[in-house]
Protein backbone atom coordinates (compact mmCIF):
# COMPACT_ATOMS: atom_id res chain seq x y z
CA MET A 1 -3.32 25.33 -33.90
CA LEU A 2 -1.82 21.83 -34.08
CA ASP A 3 1.68 23.25 -33.62
CA ARG A 4 0.57 25.00 -30.42
CA ILE A 5 -1.01 21.78 -29.14
CA VAL A 6 2.15 19.80 -29.90
CA LYS A 7 4.28 22.39 -28.11
CA THR A 8 1.94 22.35 -25.11
CA TRP A 9 1.99 18.55 -25.13
CA GLU A 10 5.79 18.52 -25.07
CA SER A 11 5.68 20.93 -22.14
CA VAL A 12 3.23 18.68 -20.30
CA LEU A 13 5.48 15.66 -20.87
CA TYR A 14 8.50 17.58 -19.59
CA HIS A 15 6.61 18.65 -16.47
CA LEU A 16 5.29 15.13 -15.88
CA GLU A 17 8.83 13.78 -16.09
CA GLN A 18 10.04 16.39 -13.59
CA GLN A 19 7.09 15.70 -11.31
CA SER A 20 7.72 11.97 -11.53
CA ARG A 21 11.32 12.44 -10.39
CA HIS A 22 10.25 14.78 -7.61
CA ARG A 23 7.45 12.48 -6.44
CA GLY A 24 9.83 9.50 -6.49
CA LEU A 25 12.20 11.38 -4.21
CA GLN A 26 9.29 12.45 -1.98
CA LEU A 27 8.05 8.88 -1.70
CA SER A 28 11.53 7.56 -0.96
CA ARG A 29 11.99 10.15 1.82
CA LEU A 30 8.54 9.42 3.20
CA VAL A 31 9.20 5.66 3.34
CA ARG A 32 12.54 6.28 4.99
CA ALA A 33 10.99 8.58 7.60
CA GLU A 34 7.94 6.42 8.31
CA LEU A 35 10.03 3.27 8.76
CA HIS A 36 12.83 5.10 10.60
CA SER A 37 15.05 3.38 8.07
CA GLU A 38 18.64 3.98 7.13
CA TYR A 39 17.82 2.64 3.65
CA THR A 40 16.96 4.80 0.67
CA TYR A 41 14.36 3.09 -1.48
CA GLN A 42 14.37 3.45 -5.23
CA LEU A 43 11.01 3.90 -6.89
CA SER A 44 11.43 0.58 -8.72
CA GLU A 45 11.95 -1.19 -5.38
CA ILE A 46 8.77 0.36 -3.99
CA HIS A 47 6.84 -0.69 -7.10
CA VAL A 48 8.11 -4.26 -6.72
CA ILE A 49 6.95 -4.25 -3.09
CA ASP A 50 3.57 -2.89 -4.18
CA PHE A 51 3.19 -5.60 -6.81
CA ILE A 52 4.14 -8.36 -4.37
CA GLU A 53 1.50 -7.06 -1.94
CA ARG A 54 -1.19 -7.26 -4.62
CA THR A 55 -0.14 -10.61 -6.11
CA LYS A 56 -0.33 -14.06 -4.62
CA ASN A 57 3.03 -15.84 -4.68
CA PRO A 58 4.79 -13.92 -7.46
CA ASN A 59 8.13 -15.05 -8.79
CA VAL A 60 10.82 -13.07 -10.63
CA THR A 61 9.33 -13.81 -14.06
CA VAL A 62 5.83 -12.65 -13.09
CA ILE A 63 7.14 -9.48 -11.42
CA ALA A 64 9.38 -8.66 -14.40
CA ALA A 65 6.58 -9.14 -16.91
CA HIS A 66 4.14 -6.98 -14.94
CA LEU A 67 6.60 -4.15 -14.31
CA ASN A 68 8.06 -4.28 -17.81
CA MET A 69 11.57 -4.92 -16.48
CA THR A 70 14.16 -7.58 -17.15
CA ARG A 71 14.38 -10.64 -14.93
CA GLY A 72 17.96 -9.61 -14.15
CA ALA A 73 16.85 -6.19 -12.90
CA ILE A 74 14.14 -7.78 -10.76
CA SER A 75 16.64 -10.32 -9.38
CA LYS A 76 18.91 -7.46 -8.26
CA ILE A 77 16.00 -5.65 -6.64
CA MET A 78 14.86 -8.85 -4.92
CA SER A 79 18.36 -9.38 -3.49
CA LYS A 80 18.23 -5.91 -1.93
CA LEU A 81 14.72 -6.41 -0.60
CA LEU A 82 15.65 -9.79 0.87
CA ASP A 83 18.78 -8.33 2.51
CA ARG A 84 16.76 -5.45 3.97
CA GLY A 85 14.10 -7.76 5.32
CA ASP A 86 11.26 -6.38 3.17
CA VAL A 87 10.46 -9.75 1.60
CA VAL A 88 11.04 -13.43 2.19
CA SER A 89 11.44 -16.10 -0.44
CA PHE A 90 9.96 -19.57 -0.40
CA ARG A 91 9.28 -22.60 -2.58
CA GLN A 92 5.99 -24.40 -3.00
CA PRO A 93 6.00 -28.01 -1.71
CA ASP A 94 4.78 -29.24 -5.09
CA ASN A 95 7.24 -27.07 -7.09
CA GLN A 96 10.75 -26.87 -5.72
CA LYS A 97 12.03 -25.24 -8.91
CA ASN A 98 10.44 -21.80 -8.63
CA ILE A 99 11.20 -19.24 -5.92
CA TYR A 100 8.28 -17.12 -4.78
CA PHE A 101 8.11 -13.99 -2.66
CA GLN A 102 5.93 -12.47 0.00
CA LEU A 103 6.18 -9.33 2.10
CA THR A 104 7.39 -9.22 5.65
CA THR A 105 5.85 -6.83 8.18
CA ARG A 106 8.46 -4.29 7.11
CA GLY A 107 7.56 -4.74 3.42
CA GLU A 108 3.89 -4.34 4.29
CA ALA A 109 4.72 -1.04 5.98
CA VAL A 110 6.48 0.18 2.81
CA ALA A 111 3.46 -0.86 0.73
CA LYS A 112 1.13 1.00 3.10
CA VAL A 113 3.14 4.23 2.79
CA HIS A 114 3.08 3.83 -1.00
CA ARG A 115 -0.68 3.25 -1.02
CA ILE A 116 -1.35 6.34 1.14
CA PHE A 117 0.96 8.39 -1.09
CA HIS A 118 -1.08 7.39 -4.15
CA GLU A 119 -4.38 8.06 -2.38
CA ARG A 120 -3.24 11.62 -1.67
CA ALA A 121 -2.17 12.07 -5.29
CA GLN A 122 -5.54 10.79 -6.51
CA THR A 123 -7.32 13.28 -4.25
CA GLN A 124 -5.29 16.11 -5.81
CA ILE A 125 -6.13 14.89 -9.32
CA LYS A 126 -9.82 14.66 -8.46
CA GLU A 127 -9.69 18.23 -7.17
CA LEU A 128 -8.13 19.34 -10.47
CA PHE A 129 -10.76 17.60 -12.60
CA SER A 130 -13.65 18.74 -10.40
CA ARG A 131 -13.39 22.15 -12.11
CA TYR A 132 -14.75 20.74 -15.36
CA SER A 133 -18.28 20.04 -16.51
CA ALA A 134 -19.51 16.52 -17.27
CA GLN A 135 -19.23 17.24 -21.00
CA GLU A 136 -15.64 18.49 -20.64
CA LEU A 137 -14.76 15.45 -18.53
CA GLN A 138 -16.01 13.17 -21.32
CA ILE A 139 -13.65 14.90 -23.76
CA ILE A 140 -10.79 14.70 -21.25
CA GLN A 141 -11.51 11.00 -20.70
CA ARG A 142 -11.50 10.34 -24.43
CA PHE A 143 -8.24 12.25 -24.86
CA LEU A 144 -6.53 10.46 -21.97
CA SER A 145 -7.74 7.12 -23.28
CA ASP A 146 -6.33 7.93 -26.74
CA VAL A 147 -3.01 9.01 -25.22
CA THR A 148 -2.81 5.84 -23.14
CA THR A 149 -3.44 3.70 -26.21
CA HIS A 150 -0.82 5.65 -28.17
CA VAL A 151 1.79 5.27 -25.42
CA ASP A 152 0.99 1.57 -24.99
CA LEU A 153 1.46 1.01 -28.73
CA THR A 154 4.69 3.01 -28.72
CA LEU A 155 6.06 0.94 -25.83
CA SER A 156 4.95 -2.44 -27.17
CA PRO A 157 7.72 -4.82 -28.25
CA ASN A 158 6.26 -4.86 -31.77
CA SER A 159 6.57 -1.10 -32.18
CA SER A 160 9.19 -0.31 -34.81
CA ASP A 161 8.94 3.51 -34.73
CA VAL A 162 11.66 4.05 -32.15
CA ARG A 163 13.90 1.24 -33.41
CA GLN A 164 13.81 2.64 -36.95
CA GLU A 165 14.78 6.10 -35.69
CA GLU A 166 17.70 4.65 -33.70
CA SER A 167 19.07 2.71 -36.70
């Protein structure tokens, strides 16, 4: 039975990866269409915009830490977003060292499209789970919580499982 579950789990992961790619392309196309933009947005750029919308005065370090990306990667993304006019940078009067970011009207429009996209996805997920009884939902919740914990531990910087396999 465990072998069947593992095989099914691997299939689920494969399908989630495929769906993630597909949804990223869908979201990028939707943003482009809604903004009548010539730009193609990468999913990471949209997630940076989303984070800036939800965070007061973030800087590169804060964004990188939250999105689990390097400061260099965030700096490259910020350069694109600044050039496109999605964000503006500024310094605090009492701290001229750090550069902070906020969304422009255009960036807010991207964030809104992203938010609506997620709301639709959540509606679909709720429809899927509405088929189950309260007792089944408790088991599903426990399972998803366990999986989340497992993935978080696997991705943590202190996890040596993957590094040992790569050595």
